[in-house]
N, C-alpha and C. Protein backbone atom coordinates (compact mmCIF):
# COMPACT_ATOMS: atom_id res chain seq x y z
N UNK A 1 -31.67 -2.34 -31.44
CA UNK A 1 -30.80 -2.45 -30.30
C UNK A 1 -31.12 -1.31 -29.32
N UNK A 2 -31.34 -1.63 -28.04
CA UNK A 2 -31.70 -0.58 -27.07
C UNK A 2 -30.51 0.33 -26.79
N UNK A 3 -30.84 1.60 -26.58
CA UNK A 3 -29.81 2.60 -26.27
C UNK A 3 -29.53 2.58 -24.78
N UNK A 4 -28.30 2.93 -24.41
CA UNK A 4 -27.93 3.01 -23.00
C UNK A 4 -28.62 4.21 -22.37
N UNK A 5 -29.06 4.02 -21.15
CA UNK A 5 -29.66 5.12 -20.41
C UNK A 5 -28.60 6.17 -20.14
N UNK A 6 -28.99 7.45 -20.03
CA UNK A 6 -28.00 8.50 -19.77
C UNK A 6 -27.13 8.21 -18.55
N UNK A 7 -27.72 7.62 -17.51
CA UNK A 7 -26.93 7.32 -16.31
C UNK A 7 -25.89 6.24 -16.60
N UNK A 8 -26.22 5.29 -17.48
CA UNK A 8 -25.25 4.25 -17.86
C UNK A 8 -24.11 4.86 -18.66
N UNK A 9 -24.44 5.77 -19.56
CA UNK A 9 -23.42 6.43 -20.36
C UNK A 9 -22.48 7.23 -19.47
N UNK A 10 -23.04 7.95 -18.52
CA UNK A 10 -22.22 8.74 -17.58
C UNK A 10 -21.34 7.81 -16.76
N UNK A 11 -21.86 6.66 -16.36
CA UNK A 11 -21.09 5.71 -15.56
C UNK A 11 -19.91 5.16 -16.37
N UNK A 12 -20.14 4.86 -17.65
CA UNK A 12 -19.05 4.38 -18.51
C UNK A 12 -17.99 5.45 -18.68
N UNK A 13 -18.41 6.71 -18.82
CA UNK A 13 -17.46 7.80 -18.97
C UNK A 13 -16.63 7.95 -17.69
N UNK A 14 -17.24 7.83 -16.51
CA UNK A 14 -16.51 7.93 -15.26
C UNK A 14 -15.53 6.78 -15.11
N UNK A 15 -15.93 5.58 -15.51
CA UNK A 15 -15.02 4.43 -15.44
C UNK A 15 -13.82 4.64 -16.34
N UNK A 16 -14.05 5.17 -17.54
CA UNK A 16 -12.96 5.43 -18.47
C UNK A 16 -12.03 6.49 -17.90
N UNK A 17 -12.58 7.52 -17.26
CA UNK A 17 -11.76 8.57 -16.69
C UNK A 17 -10.94 8.07 -15.51
N UNK A 18 -11.46 7.08 -14.79
CA UNK A 18 -10.74 6.54 -13.64
C UNK A 18 -9.42 5.90 -14.07
N UNK A 19 -9.33 5.43 -15.31
CA UNK A 19 -8.11 4.82 -15.81
C UNK A 19 -7.09 5.85 -16.29
N UNK A 20 -7.49 7.09 -16.46
CA UNK A 20 -6.60 8.14 -16.94
C UNK A 20 -5.83 8.77 -15.79
N UNK A 21 -4.63 9.31 -16.07
CA UNK A 21 -3.96 10.13 -15.05
C UNK A 21 -4.86 11.30 -14.67
N UNK A 22 -4.67 11.82 -13.48
CA UNK A 22 -5.54 12.87 -12.94
C UNK A 22 -5.65 14.07 -13.88
N UNK A 23 -4.53 14.53 -14.40
CA UNK A 23 -4.55 15.72 -15.25
C UNK A 23 -5.28 15.44 -16.56
N UNK A 24 -5.09 14.25 -17.11
CA UNK A 24 -5.78 13.88 -18.35
C UNK A 24 -7.29 13.81 -18.13
N UNK A 25 -7.69 13.21 -17.01
CA UNK A 25 -9.12 13.12 -16.70
C UNK A 25 -9.71 14.51 -16.50
N UNK A 26 -8.97 15.38 -15.86
CA UNK A 26 -9.43 16.76 -15.65
C UNK A 26 -9.58 17.48 -16.98
N UNK A 27 -8.63 17.30 -17.88
CA UNK A 27 -8.72 17.91 -19.21
C UNK A 27 -9.96 17.41 -19.95
N UNK A 28 -10.23 16.13 -19.85
CA UNK A 28 -11.42 15.55 -20.50
C UNK A 28 -12.71 16.13 -19.91
N UNK A 29 -12.75 16.30 -18.59
CA UNK A 29 -13.96 16.85 -17.94
C UNK A 29 -14.20 18.29 -18.37
N UNK A 30 -13.13 19.07 -18.48
CA UNK A 30 -13.28 20.46 -18.91
C UNK A 30 -13.78 20.51 -20.35
N UNK A 31 -13.20 19.69 -21.20
CA UNK A 31 -13.60 19.67 -22.60
C UNK A 31 -15.05 19.26 -22.77
N UNK A 32 -15.52 18.34 -21.93
CA UNK A 32 -16.89 17.84 -22.04
C UNK A 32 -17.93 18.78 -21.42
N UNK A 33 -17.48 19.67 -20.55
CA UNK A 33 -18.42 20.58 -19.87
C UNK A 33 -18.88 21.67 -20.83
N UNK A 34 -20.17 21.91 -20.84
CA UNK A 34 -20.70 23.02 -21.64
C UNK A 34 -20.27 24.34 -21.01
N UNK A 35 -20.24 24.34 -19.69
CA UNK A 35 -19.86 25.54 -18.93
C UNK A 35 -19.25 25.07 -17.62
N UNK A 36 -18.13 25.66 -17.22
CA UNK A 36 -17.51 25.26 -15.96
C UNK A 36 -18.33 25.77 -14.79
N UNK A 37 -18.42 24.94 -13.81
CA UNK A 37 -19.15 25.24 -12.57
C UNK A 37 -18.16 25.37 -11.42
N UNK A 38 -18.69 25.76 -10.29
CA UNK A 38 -17.87 25.97 -9.10
C UNK A 38 -17.05 24.73 -8.75
N UNK A 39 -17.66 23.55 -8.80
CA UNK A 39 -16.94 22.34 -8.40
C UNK A 39 -15.76 22.04 -9.33
N UNK A 40 -15.85 22.44 -10.59
CA UNK A 40 -14.73 22.24 -11.50
C UNK A 40 -13.51 23.05 -11.05
N UNK A 41 -13.74 24.30 -10.69
CA UNK A 41 -12.63 25.16 -10.27
C UNK A 41 -12.00 24.65 -8.98
N UNK A 42 -12.83 24.21 -8.04
CA UNK A 42 -12.30 23.65 -6.80
C UNK A 42 -11.49 22.39 -7.09
N UNK A 43 -11.96 21.57 -8.03
CA UNK A 43 -11.22 20.36 -8.38
C UNK A 43 -9.87 20.70 -9.02
N UNK A 44 -9.85 21.71 -9.84
CA UNK A 44 -8.60 22.15 -10.46
C UNK A 44 -7.61 22.57 -9.38
N UNK A 45 -8.06 23.36 -8.42
CA UNK A 45 -7.18 23.78 -7.32
C UNK A 45 -6.72 22.56 -6.52
N UNK A 46 -7.61 21.64 -6.27
CA UNK A 46 -7.33 20.48 -5.43
C UNK A 46 -6.37 19.48 -6.10
N UNK A 47 -6.37 19.39 -7.43
CA UNK A 47 -5.64 18.29 -8.07
C UNK A 47 -4.50 18.69 -8.99
N UNK A 48 -4.46 19.89 -9.49
CA UNK A 48 -3.45 20.25 -10.48
C UNK A 48 -2.06 20.35 -9.83
N UNK A 49 -1.08 19.63 -10.34
CA UNK A 49 0.26 19.66 -9.73
C UNK A 49 0.86 21.07 -9.66
N UNK A 50 0.62 21.90 -10.65
CA UNK A 50 1.20 23.25 -10.63
C UNK A 50 0.60 24.15 -9.56
N UNK A 51 -0.49 23.69 -8.93
CA UNK A 51 -1.12 24.49 -7.87
C UNK A 51 -0.85 23.93 -6.47
N UNK A 52 0.14 23.04 -6.35
CA UNK A 52 0.45 22.44 -5.05
C UNK A 52 0.82 23.50 -4.01
N UNK A 53 1.64 24.47 -4.39
CA UNK A 53 2.01 25.54 -3.45
C UNK A 53 0.81 26.39 -3.08
N UNK A 54 -0.07 26.63 -4.03
CA UNK A 54 -1.27 27.43 -3.77
C UNK A 54 -2.18 26.74 -2.76
N UNK A 55 -2.25 25.42 -2.83
CA UNK A 55 -3.08 24.68 -1.87
C UNK A 55 -2.58 24.87 -0.45
N UNK A 56 -1.27 25.07 -0.29
CA UNK A 56 -0.68 25.23 1.03
C UNK A 56 -0.61 26.69 1.49
N UNK A 57 -0.99 27.62 0.64
CA UNK A 57 -0.90 29.05 0.94
C UNK A 57 -2.28 29.56 1.40
N UNK A 58 -2.37 29.91 2.66
CA UNK A 58 -3.65 30.35 3.23
C UNK A 58 -4.17 31.61 2.54
N UNK A 59 -3.29 32.52 2.17
CA UNK A 59 -3.72 33.76 1.50
C UNK A 59 -4.34 33.46 0.14
N UNK A 60 -3.70 32.58 -0.63
CA UNK A 60 -4.24 32.21 -1.95
C UNK A 60 -5.59 31.54 -1.79
N UNK A 61 -5.69 30.60 -0.86
CA UNK A 61 -6.96 29.89 -0.64
C UNK A 61 -8.05 30.85 -0.20
N UNK A 62 -7.73 31.80 0.66
CA UNK A 62 -8.71 32.78 1.14
C UNK A 62 -9.20 33.67 -0.01
N UNK A 63 -8.27 34.15 -0.82
CA UNK A 63 -8.62 35.00 -1.97
C UNK A 63 -9.47 34.22 -2.97
N UNK A 64 -9.09 32.97 -3.23
CA UNK A 64 -9.84 32.12 -4.16
C UNK A 64 -11.25 31.87 -3.62
N UNK A 65 -11.36 31.55 -2.34
CA UNK A 65 -12.68 31.30 -1.74
C UNK A 65 -13.57 32.54 -1.82
N UNK A 66 -13.00 33.72 -1.58
CA UNK A 66 -13.78 34.96 -1.65
C UNK A 66 -14.31 35.18 -3.07
N UNK A 67 -13.48 34.93 -4.07
CA UNK A 67 -13.93 35.07 -5.46
C UNK A 67 -15.03 34.06 -5.80
N UNK A 68 -14.87 32.86 -5.31
CA UNK A 68 -15.87 31.82 -5.58
C UNK A 68 -17.20 32.16 -4.90
N UNK A 69 -17.15 32.71 -3.70
CA UNK A 69 -18.37 33.09 -3.00
C UNK A 69 -19.11 34.19 -3.73
N UNK A 70 -18.38 35.03 -4.47
CA UNK A 70 -19.01 36.09 -5.28
C UNK A 70 -19.43 35.58 -6.66
N UNK A 71 -19.18 34.30 -6.93
CA UNK A 71 -19.46 33.70 -8.24
C UNK A 71 -18.69 34.40 -9.36
N UNK A 72 -17.51 34.91 -9.03
CA UNK A 72 -16.66 35.55 -10.02
C UNK A 72 -15.67 34.50 -10.54
N UNK A 73 -16.18 33.61 -11.37
CA UNK A 73 -15.39 32.48 -11.85
C UNK A 73 -14.23 32.93 -12.74
N UNK A 74 -14.41 34.00 -13.50
CA UNK A 74 -13.32 34.47 -14.34
C UNK A 74 -12.16 34.97 -13.49
N UNK A 75 -12.45 35.76 -12.48
CA UNK A 75 -11.39 36.25 -11.58
C UNK A 75 -10.76 35.09 -10.81
N UNK A 76 -11.58 34.10 -10.42
CA UNK A 76 -11.05 32.94 -9.72
C UNK A 76 -10.13 32.14 -10.63
N UNK A 77 -10.50 32.01 -11.91
CA UNK A 77 -9.63 31.29 -12.84
C UNK A 77 -8.32 32.06 -13.04
N UNK A 78 -8.40 33.37 -13.09
CA UNK A 78 -7.19 34.20 -13.21
C UNK A 78 -6.32 34.04 -11.97
N UNK A 79 -6.94 33.95 -10.80
CA UNK A 79 -6.18 33.75 -9.56
C UNK A 79 -5.44 32.41 -9.59
N UNK A 80 -6.06 31.38 -10.17
CA UNK A 80 -5.39 30.09 -10.28
C UNK A 80 -4.20 30.17 -11.24
N UNK A 81 -4.38 30.87 -12.34
CA UNK A 81 -3.27 31.05 -13.29
C UNK A 81 -2.13 31.78 -12.58
N UNK A 82 -2.44 32.84 -11.86
CA UNK A 82 -1.42 33.62 -11.16
C UNK A 82 -0.71 32.83 -10.07
N UNK A 83 -1.40 31.85 -9.47
CA UNK A 83 -0.84 31.07 -8.38
C UNK A 83 -0.03 29.87 -8.86
N UNK A 84 -0.14 29.51 -10.11
CA UNK A 84 0.53 28.32 -10.64
C UNK A 84 2.04 28.47 -10.60
N UNK A 85 2.72 27.34 -10.39
CA UNK A 85 4.18 27.27 -10.42
C UNK A 85 4.57 26.12 -11.31
N UNK A 86 5.46 26.32 -12.28
CA UNK A 86 6.22 27.52 -12.54
C UNK A 86 5.31 28.68 -12.95
N UNK A 87 5.86 29.87 -12.82
CA UNK A 87 5.12 31.09 -13.09
C UNK A 87 4.56 31.07 -14.51
N UNK A 88 3.31 31.48 -14.62
CA UNK A 88 2.69 31.61 -15.94
C UNK A 88 1.72 32.79 -15.90
N UNK A 89 1.30 33.21 -17.08
CA UNK A 89 0.32 34.30 -17.12
C UNK A 89 -0.57 34.13 -18.34
N UNK A 90 -1.79 34.63 -18.19
CA UNK A 90 -2.75 34.61 -19.28
C UNK A 90 -2.34 35.69 -20.27
N UNK A 91 -1.90 35.25 -21.43
CA UNK A 91 -1.38 36.16 -22.44
C UNK A 91 -2.48 36.66 -23.37
N UNK A 92 -3.47 35.81 -23.62
CA UNK A 92 -4.53 36.18 -24.56
C UNK A 92 -5.83 35.48 -24.18
N UNK A 93 -6.92 36.21 -24.28
CA UNK A 93 -8.26 35.67 -24.09
C UNK A 93 -9.18 36.44 -25.03
N UNK A 94 -9.55 35.79 -26.13
CA UNK A 94 -10.38 36.46 -27.13
C UNK A 94 -11.51 35.53 -27.55
N UNK A 95 -12.60 36.14 -27.99
CA UNK A 95 -13.73 35.39 -28.50
C UNK A 95 -13.73 35.52 -30.02
N UNK A 96 -13.68 34.37 -30.69
CA UNK A 96 -13.71 34.33 -32.15
C UNK A 96 -14.84 33.42 -32.59
N UNK A 97 -15.79 33.98 -33.29
CA UNK A 97 -16.93 33.21 -33.82
C UNK A 97 -17.62 32.37 -32.74
N UNK A 98 -17.78 32.94 -31.55
CA UNK A 98 -18.50 32.26 -30.48
C UNK A 98 -17.67 31.30 -29.65
N UNK A 99 -16.39 31.17 -29.94
CA UNK A 99 -15.50 30.32 -29.15
C UNK A 99 -14.42 31.18 -28.50
N UNK A 100 -14.11 30.84 -27.26
CA UNK A 100 -13.07 31.57 -26.54
C UNK A 100 -11.73 30.89 -26.75
N UNK A 101 -10.72 31.69 -27.03
CA UNK A 101 -9.36 31.20 -27.22
C UNK A 101 -8.52 31.79 -26.09
N UNK A 102 -7.91 30.90 -25.31
CA UNK A 102 -7.05 31.35 -24.20
C UNK A 102 -5.63 30.85 -24.46
N UNK A 103 -4.67 31.74 -24.27
CA UNK A 103 -3.27 31.35 -24.38
C UNK A 103 -2.56 31.74 -23.10
N UNK A 104 -1.91 30.76 -22.51
CA UNK A 104 -1.14 30.99 -21.29
C UNK A 104 0.33 30.74 -21.61
N UNK A 105 1.17 31.67 -21.22
CA UNK A 105 2.62 31.54 -21.37
C UNK A 105 3.21 31.13 -20.03
N UNK A 106 4.25 30.31 -20.07
CA UNK A 106 4.82 29.74 -18.85
C UNK A 106 6.33 29.76 -18.89
N UNK A 107 6.94 29.79 -17.72
CA UNK A 107 8.39 29.65 -17.58
C UNK A 107 8.78 28.19 -17.40
N UNK A 108 7.82 27.28 -17.53
CA UNK A 108 8.07 25.86 -17.30
C UNK A 108 8.55 25.12 -18.53
N UNK A 109 8.49 23.79 -18.45
CA UNK A 109 8.94 22.92 -19.54
C UNK A 109 8.12 23.13 -20.80
N UNK A 110 6.85 23.41 -20.64
CA UNK A 110 5.99 23.72 -21.78
C UNK A 110 5.81 25.24 -21.77
N UNK A 111 6.33 25.94 -22.79
CA UNK A 111 6.35 27.41 -22.74
C UNK A 111 4.99 28.07 -22.96
N UNK A 112 4.04 27.35 -23.58
CA UNK A 112 2.72 27.95 -23.79
C UNK A 112 1.70 26.86 -24.01
N UNK A 113 0.46 27.21 -23.74
CA UNK A 113 -0.66 26.32 -24.03
C UNK A 113 -1.81 27.18 -24.53
N UNK A 114 -2.50 26.66 -25.51
CA UNK A 114 -3.65 27.34 -26.10
C UNK A 114 -4.83 26.40 -25.99
N UNK A 115 -5.97 26.94 -25.61
CA UNK A 115 -7.19 26.14 -25.52
C UNK A 115 -8.35 26.93 -26.11
N UNK A 116 -9.29 26.19 -26.69
CA UNK A 116 -10.48 26.78 -27.29
C UNK A 116 -11.69 26.11 -26.66
N UNK A 117 -12.65 26.91 -26.24
CA UNK A 117 -13.87 26.37 -25.61
C UNK A 117 -14.97 27.40 -25.77
N UNK A 118 -16.20 26.94 -25.76
CA UNK A 118 -17.33 27.87 -25.87
C UNK A 118 -17.54 28.69 -24.59
N UNK A 119 -16.98 28.23 -23.48
CA UNK A 119 -17.07 28.93 -22.20
C UNK A 119 -15.73 29.61 -21.91
N UNK A 120 -15.79 30.88 -21.59
CA UNK A 120 -14.58 31.67 -21.35
C UNK A 120 -13.72 31.09 -20.23
N UNK A 121 -14.32 30.77 -19.10
CA UNK A 121 -13.57 30.24 -17.96
C UNK A 121 -12.99 28.86 -18.31
N UNK A 122 -13.76 28.06 -19.02
CA UNK A 122 -13.28 26.73 -19.41
C UNK A 122 -12.07 26.84 -20.33
N UNK A 123 -12.06 27.81 -21.22
CA UNK A 123 -10.90 27.99 -22.11
C UNK A 123 -9.65 28.32 -21.29
N UNK A 124 -9.78 29.19 -20.31
CA UNK A 124 -8.64 29.56 -19.47
C UNK A 124 -8.16 28.34 -18.68
N UNK A 125 -9.09 27.62 -18.07
CA UNK A 125 -8.70 26.47 -17.26
C UNK A 125 -8.15 25.33 -18.12
N UNK A 126 -8.68 25.15 -19.32
CA UNK A 126 -8.16 24.11 -20.21
C UNK A 126 -6.71 24.42 -20.59
N UNK A 127 -6.39 25.68 -20.82
CA UNK A 127 -5.01 26.06 -21.13
C UNK A 127 -4.11 25.82 -19.93
N UNK A 128 -4.58 26.14 -18.73
CA UNK A 128 -3.78 25.92 -17.54
C UNK A 128 -3.53 24.43 -17.33
N UNK A 129 -4.56 23.64 -17.48
CA UNK A 129 -4.42 22.18 -17.33
C UNK A 129 -3.46 21.63 -18.39
N UNK A 130 -3.51 22.17 -19.60
CA UNK A 130 -2.62 21.69 -20.67
C UNK A 130 -1.16 21.88 -20.30
N UNK A 131 -0.84 22.89 -19.52
CA UNK A 131 0.54 23.10 -19.09
C UNK A 131 1.02 22.00 -18.16
N UNK A 132 0.10 21.33 -17.48
CA UNK A 132 0.45 20.25 -16.55
C UNK A 132 0.39 18.87 -17.18
N UNK A 133 -0.05 18.80 -18.43
CA UNK A 133 -0.17 17.49 -19.07
C UNK A 133 1.21 16.94 -19.42
N UNK A 134 1.37 15.63 -19.25
CA UNK A 134 2.66 15.04 -19.62
C UNK A 134 2.84 15.03 -21.14
N UNK A 135 4.05 15.16 -21.57
CA UNK A 135 4.33 15.11 -23.00
C UNK A 135 4.13 16.45 -23.66
N UNK A 136 4.60 16.58 -24.89
CA UNK A 136 4.50 17.87 -25.58
C UNK A 136 3.06 18.19 -25.96
N UNK A 137 2.74 19.46 -25.91
CA UNK A 137 1.45 19.96 -26.35
C UNK A 137 1.72 20.81 -27.56
N UNK A 138 1.14 20.48 -28.67
CA UNK A 138 1.40 21.21 -29.92
C UNK A 138 0.16 22.00 -30.31
N UNK A 139 0.35 23.30 -30.54
CA UNK A 139 -0.75 24.17 -30.98
C UNK A 139 -0.27 25.03 -32.10
């Protein structure tokens, strides 16, 4: 049986993501990424419900853009965490056996989210996205 070409596989993955809610699709993209790139962070800012106020705040956007222009993705991810509403903060970011573990605490409906990823920035962003996911998140 012939195997699907990589472009066909990517197309099927995009079609499947199109059926998911925005936050779920974003969580899947972060999990699938080996390393987060600039466009991932911009997409998080553009689509995450907890960053709606940040999108409308010129100071936040200017600070975020400056960090992105310096390729300081870790500081940019921290800026997104700091700008999220309800208020949250990065409580823990540690590397264990080659995987990064990020824990974000929140004043919102979900009090904390933990994410594990091989990329430090992806772990932070996955935890932030988890706070916006519908339904309980158990860690």
